[in-house]
N, C-alpha and C. Protein backbone atom coordinates (compact mmCIF):
# COMPACT_ATOMS: atom_id res chain seq x y z
N MET A 1 7.44 12.05 -10.31
CA MET A 1 6.10 12.77 -10.10
C MET A 1 5.73 12.29 -8.73
N THR A 2 5.36 13.36 -7.94
CA THR A 2 4.81 13.10 -6.57
C THR A 2 3.27 12.44 -6.76
N ARG A 3 2.82 12.01 -5.51
CA ARG A 3 1.63 11.28 -5.38
C ARG A 3 0.51 12.53 -5.76
N GLN A 4 0.80 13.60 -5.08
CA GLN A 4 -0.33 14.70 -5.45
C GLN A 4 -0.34 15.03 -6.90
N GLU A 5 0.80 15.14 -7.71
CA GLU A 5 0.97 15.47 -9.10
C GLU A 5 0.18 14.30 -9.92
N GLU A 6 0.36 12.95 -9.44
CA GLU A 6 -0.23 11.75 -10.13
C GLU A 6 -1.79 11.99 -9.95
N ILE A 7 -2.33 12.18 -8.81
CA ILE A 7 -3.62 12.22 -8.52
C ILE A 7 -4.28 13.50 -9.49
N LYS A 8 -3.64 14.85 -9.37
CA LYS A 8 -4.20 15.85 -10.29
C LYS A 8 -4.18 15.37 -11.75
N LYS A 9 -3.13 14.59 -12.32
CA LYS A 9 -3.04 14.32 -13.66
C LYS A 9 -4.08 13.36 -14.02
N ALA A 10 -4.23 12.35 -13.04
CA ALA A 10 -5.55 11.41 -13.24
C ALA A 10 -6.76 11.97 -13.31
N ALA A 11 -6.89 12.93 -12.41
CA ALA A 11 -8.25 13.86 -12.41
C ALA A 11 -8.56 14.50 -13.64
N THR A 12 -7.54 15.13 -14.12
CA THR A 12 -7.73 15.89 -15.25
C THR A 12 -8.05 14.86 -16.43
N ALA A 13 -7.24 13.75 -16.59
CA ALA A 13 -7.51 12.99 -17.60
C ALA A 13 -8.85 12.32 -17.62
N LYS A 14 -9.44 12.03 -16.42
CA LYS A 14 -10.72 11.51 -16.26
C LYS A 14 -11.79 12.54 -16.33
N ARG A 15 -11.49 13.73 -16.42
CA ARG A 15 -12.39 14.98 -16.37
C ARG A 15 -13.01 15.28 -17.59
N ARG A 16 -12.43 14.85 -18.80
CA ARG A 16 -12.96 15.18 -20.05
C ARG A 16 -14.50 15.18 -20.25
N GLY A 17 -15.09 16.33 -20.67
CA GLY A 17 -16.52 16.20 -20.66
C GLY A 17 -17.38 16.19 -19.53
N GLU A 18 -16.61 16.25 -18.33
CA GLU A 18 -17.41 16.02 -17.08
C GLU A 18 -17.37 17.45 -16.37
N THR A 19 -18.10 17.57 -15.45
CA THR A 19 -18.13 18.91 -14.72
C THR A 19 -16.94 18.94 -13.69
N PRO A 20 -16.67 20.09 -13.30
CA PRO A 20 -15.46 20.34 -12.30
C PRO A 20 -15.73 19.56 -11.12
N TYR A 21 -17.05 19.35 -10.71
CA TYR A 21 -17.26 18.68 -9.47
C TYR A 21 -16.65 17.33 -9.57
N TYR A 22 -16.59 16.60 -10.75
CA TYR A 22 -15.99 15.42 -10.90
C TYR A 22 -14.45 15.31 -10.58
N TYR A 23 -13.74 16.50 -10.88
CA TYR A 23 -12.23 16.61 -10.76
C TYR A 23 -12.15 16.68 -9.25
N ASP A 24 -12.85 17.59 -8.48
CA ASP A 24 -12.84 17.59 -7.10
C ASP A 24 -13.07 16.34 -6.24
N ALA A 25 -14.15 15.60 -6.75
CA ALA A 25 -14.42 14.42 -6.11
C ALA A 25 -13.45 13.31 -6.35
N PHE A 26 -12.95 13.36 -7.50
CA PHE A 26 -11.72 12.40 -7.79
C PHE A 26 -10.76 12.53 -6.86
N ILE A 27 -10.23 13.79 -6.64
CA ILE A 27 -9.18 14.22 -5.64
C ILE A 27 -9.48 13.69 -4.29
N GLU A 28 -10.65 13.94 -3.93
CA GLU A 28 -10.94 13.78 -2.43
C GLU A 28 -11.10 12.08 -2.38
N GLY A 29 -11.62 11.45 -3.36
CA GLY A 29 -11.44 9.95 -3.28
C GLY A 29 -10.15 9.37 -3.23
N ALA A 30 -9.21 10.07 -3.96
CA ALA A 30 -7.84 9.44 -3.94
C ALA A 30 -7.25 9.84 -2.58
N LYS A 31 -7.35 11.01 -2.08
CA LYS A 31 -7.07 11.24 -0.62
C LYS A 31 -7.51 10.30 0.28
N TRP A 32 -8.84 9.90 0.24
CA TRP A 32 -9.58 9.08 1.35
C TRP A 32 -8.83 7.67 1.11
N ALA A 33 -8.57 7.22 -0.12
CA ALA A 33 -7.90 6.01 -0.40
C ALA A 33 -6.67 5.95 0.17
N ASP A 34 -5.86 7.10 0.06
CA ASP A 34 -4.34 7.14 0.73
C ASP A 34 -4.58 6.98 2.18
N GLU A 35 -5.49 7.49 2.76
CA GLU A 35 -5.74 7.49 4.14
C GLU A 35 -6.16 6.31 4.84
N HIS A 36 -6.64 5.41 3.82
CA HIS A 36 -7.40 4.04 4.34
C HIS A 36 -6.67 2.95 3.66
N PRO A 37 -5.50 2.47 4.16
CA PRO A 37 -4.66 1.33 3.47
C PRO A 37 -5.57 0.13 3.33
N HIS A 38 -5.18 -0.60 2.25
CA HIS A 38 -6.04 -1.84 1.94
C HIS A 38 -4.98 -3.00 1.50
N TRP A 39 -5.45 -4.09 1.67
CA TRP A 39 -4.69 -5.27 1.19
C TRP A 39 -4.44 -5.30 -0.36
N ILE A 40 -3.49 -5.42 -0.88
CA ILE A 40 -3.19 -5.52 -2.26
C ILE A 40 -2.71 -6.93 -2.68
N SER A 41 -3.32 -7.47 -3.75
CA SER A 41 -2.95 -8.88 -4.19
C SER A 41 -1.63 -8.70 -4.81
N VAL A 42 -0.60 -9.66 -4.56
CA VAL A 42 0.58 -9.71 -5.34
C VAL A 42 0.51 -9.99 -6.76
N GLU A 43 -0.57 -10.49 -7.14
CA GLU A 43 -0.92 -10.77 -8.50
C GLU A 43 -1.17 -9.46 -9.31
N ASN A 44 -1.66 -8.47 -8.69
CA ASN A 44 -1.88 -7.16 -9.10
C ASN A 44 -0.92 -5.97 -9.07
N GLU A 45 -0.12 -6.07 -7.92
CA GLU A 45 0.90 -5.18 -7.86
C GLU A 45 1.82 -5.62 -6.64
N LEU A 46 3.00 -5.29 -6.81
CA LEU A 46 4.04 -5.57 -5.78
C LEU A 46 4.59 -4.08 -5.22
N PRO A 47 5.04 -4.11 -3.84
CA PRO A 47 5.70 -3.00 -3.37
C PRO A 47 6.94 -2.63 -4.11
N GLU A 48 7.33 -1.60 -3.88
CA GLU A 48 8.72 -1.28 -4.20
C GLU A 48 9.74 -2.20 -3.62
N LYS A 49 10.84 -2.53 -4.29
CA LYS A 49 11.69 -3.32 -3.63
C LYS A 49 12.42 -2.83 -2.48
N ASP A 50 12.48 -3.47 -1.48
CA ASP A 50 12.97 -3.32 -0.06
C ASP A 50 12.24 -2.29 0.77
N GLU A 51 11.07 -1.99 0.16
CA GLU A 51 10.04 -1.19 1.14
C GLU A 51 9.42 -2.08 2.18
N ASN A 52 9.28 -1.44 3.43
CA ASN A 52 8.90 -2.32 4.49
C ASN A 52 7.36 -2.17 4.41
N VAL A 53 6.62 -3.52 4.39
CA VAL A 53 5.25 -3.49 4.25
C VAL A 53 4.71 -4.62 5.41
N MET A 54 3.45 -4.66 5.45
CA MET A 54 2.71 -5.78 6.22
C MET A 54 2.43 -6.88 5.03
N VAL A 55 2.74 -8.14 5.33
CA VAL A 55 2.67 -9.14 4.26
C VAL A 55 1.52 -10.23 4.97
N CYS A 56 0.88 -10.94 3.89
CA CYS A 56 -0.30 -11.85 4.47
C CYS A 56 -0.18 -13.02 3.68
N GLY A 57 -0.45 -14.13 4.14
CA GLY A 57 -0.61 -15.50 3.36
C GLY A 57 -0.86 -16.50 4.29
N GLY A 58 -1.46 -17.36 3.90
CA GLY A 58 -2.08 -18.66 4.81
C GLY A 58 -2.80 -18.18 6.14
N GLY A 59 -3.49 -17.00 5.88
CA GLY A 59 -4.07 -16.50 7.20
C GLY A 59 -3.29 -15.86 8.18
N ARG A 60 -2.02 -15.53 7.78
CA ARG A 60 -1.27 -15.12 8.89
C ARG A 60 -0.63 -13.66 8.32
N VAL A 61 -0.35 -12.79 9.36
CA VAL A 61 0.16 -11.58 8.93
C VAL A 61 1.65 -11.21 9.45
N PHE A 62 2.54 -10.74 8.76
CA PHE A 62 3.94 -10.47 9.24
C PHE A 62 4.31 -9.17 8.70
N TYR A 63 5.38 -8.64 9.19
CA TYR A 63 6.17 -7.47 8.82
C TYR A 63 7.19 -8.03 7.68
N GLY A 64 7.23 -7.36 6.72
CA GLY A 64 8.38 -7.71 5.63
C GLY A 64 8.66 -6.95 4.59
N CYS A 65 9.40 -7.46 3.68
CA CYS A 65 9.70 -6.44 2.49
C CYS A 65 9.94 -7.40 1.25
N TRP A 66 9.71 -7.05 0.03
CA TRP A 66 9.90 -7.77 -1.10
C TRP A 66 11.23 -7.46 -1.62
N LEU A 67 11.84 -8.64 -1.96
CA LEU A 67 13.43 -8.49 -2.32
C LEU A 67 13.55 -8.72 -3.84
N GLY A 68 12.48 -8.97 -4.45
CA GLY A 68 12.46 -9.00 -5.97
C GLY A 68 12.17 -10.59 -6.34
N GLY A 69 11.65 -10.59 -7.45
CA GLY A 69 11.28 -11.96 -8.06
C GLY A 69 10.04 -12.55 -6.98
N GLU A 70 10.32 -13.66 -6.49
CA GLU A 70 9.40 -14.30 -5.59
C GLU A 70 9.93 -14.32 -4.12
N LEU A 71 11.08 -13.59 -3.95
CA LEU A 71 11.64 -13.50 -2.54
C LEU A 71 11.06 -12.39 -1.81
N TRP A 72 10.77 -12.84 -0.65
CA TRP A 72 10.46 -11.86 0.61
C TRP A 72 11.16 -11.99 1.63
N ALA A 73 11.49 -11.07 2.46
CA ALA A 73 12.17 -11.08 3.84
C ALA A 73 11.11 -10.93 4.84
N ILE A 74 10.91 -11.94 5.71
CA ILE A 74 9.83 -11.67 6.58
C ILE A 74 10.23 -11.72 8.16
N ALA A 75 9.87 -10.87 8.94
CA ALA A 75 10.12 -10.83 10.23
C ALA A 75 9.13 -11.40 11.12
N ARG A 76 9.73 -12.53 11.92
CA ARG A 76 8.73 -13.20 12.62
C ARG A 76 9.43 -13.80 14.14
N GLN A 77 8.43 -14.19 14.97
CA GLN A 77 9.10 -14.48 16.32
C GLN A 77 7.99 -15.59 16.44
N PRO A 78 8.58 -16.92 17.18
CA PRO A 78 9.98 -17.07 17.54
C PRO A 78 10.81 -17.37 16.04
N LEU A 79 12.00 -17.10 16.13
CA LEU A 79 12.94 -17.38 14.73
C LEU A 79 12.99 -18.64 14.40
N GLU A 80 12.77 -19.55 15.47
CA GLU A 80 12.99 -20.99 15.16
C GLU A 80 11.77 -21.40 14.39
N GLU A 81 10.49 -20.88 14.41
CA GLU A 81 9.44 -21.38 13.83
C GLU A 81 9.61 -21.32 12.28
N ARG A 82 9.38 -22.44 11.75
CA ARG A 82 9.25 -22.59 10.23
C ARG A 82 8.22 -21.70 9.54
N LEU A 83 8.63 -20.96 8.52
CA LEU A 83 7.55 -20.16 7.92
C LEU A 83 7.37 -20.81 6.62
N ASP A 84 6.14 -21.41 6.43
CA ASP A 84 5.74 -22.21 5.44
C ASP A 84 4.48 -21.62 4.65
N PHE A 85 4.58 -20.53 4.15
CA PHE A 85 3.47 -19.91 3.45
C PHE A 85 3.84 -19.10 2.37
N GLU A 86 2.98 -18.89 1.40
CA GLU A 86 3.28 -18.10 0.04
C GLU A 86 2.65 -16.61 0.44
N VAL A 87 3.23 -15.41 0.21
CA VAL A 87 2.91 -14.20 0.39
C VAL A 87 1.69 -14.02 -0.78
N THR A 88 0.49 -13.71 -0.44
CA THR A 88 -0.48 -13.48 -1.31
C THR A 88 -0.90 -12.03 -1.50
N HIS A 89 -0.78 -11.33 -0.30
CA HIS A 89 -1.17 -9.83 -0.30
C HIS A 89 -0.23 -9.03 0.58
N TRP A 90 -0.17 -7.87 0.36
CA TRP A 90 0.65 -6.81 1.13
C TRP A 90 -0.17 -5.64 1.24
N MET A 91 0.30 -4.74 2.25
CA MET A 91 -0.25 -3.35 2.72
C MET A 91 0.82 -2.46 3.03
N ALA A 92 0.74 -1.37 2.62
CA ALA A 92 1.56 -0.16 3.05
C ALA A 92 1.51 -0.09 4.57
N LEU A 93 2.63 0.35 5.28
CA LEU A 93 2.66 0.56 6.57
C LEU A 93 2.05 2.05 6.77
N PRO A 94 1.15 2.17 8.07
CA PRO A 94 0.59 3.58 8.24
C PRO A 94 1.78 4.43 8.47
N ALA A 95 1.58 5.70 8.41
CA ALA A 95 2.66 6.75 8.95
C ALA A 95 2.53 6.65 10.33
N PRO A 96 3.96 6.87 11.01
CA PRO A 96 4.18 6.65 12.41
C PRO A 96 3.39 8.07 13.04
N PRO A 97 2.99 7.74 14.31
CA PRO A 97 2.19 9.02 15.00
C PRO A 97 3.14 10.21 15.16
N LYS A 98 2.51 11.36 15.07
CA LYS A 98 3.18 12.60 15.22
C LYS A 98 3.80 12.85 16.63
N LYS A 99 4.57 13.76 16.93
CA LYS A 99 4.95 13.95 18.24
C LYS A 99 3.81 14.19 19.20
N GLY A 100 3.86 13.35 20.43
CA GLY A 100 2.81 13.77 21.15
C GLY A 100 1.64 12.64 21.11
N GLY A 101 1.80 11.84 20.12
CA GLY A 101 0.86 10.73 19.90
C GLY A 101 -0.18 11.04 19.16
N ALA A 102 -0.52 12.45 18.77
CA ALA A 102 -1.72 12.68 17.97
C ALA A 102 -1.44 12.56 16.52
N GLN A 103 -2.31 11.98 15.61
CA GLN A 103 -2.11 11.92 14.22
C GLN A 103 -2.40 13.22 13.41
């Protein structure tokens, strides 16, 4: 199921007994949320396995991906630096800019 189909299904399920305005507002809210990434607690949700994301823990932010279980692959510089923190949150990466630099 695509993201658009998920949003429409959820909007329809929540619309019971409500006005059509609620349906449109739900879809607009979901679109806004997709366009404004936010930090997600690993206690609430994990990214797809091997999906590149931003990760946060111990007040530091890195690029990485979840490998499954409690394993994360983290990109960091310098490589000699010891990485001693637990990933607590993650965020999807934004879409790359379109050709010419305009979004």
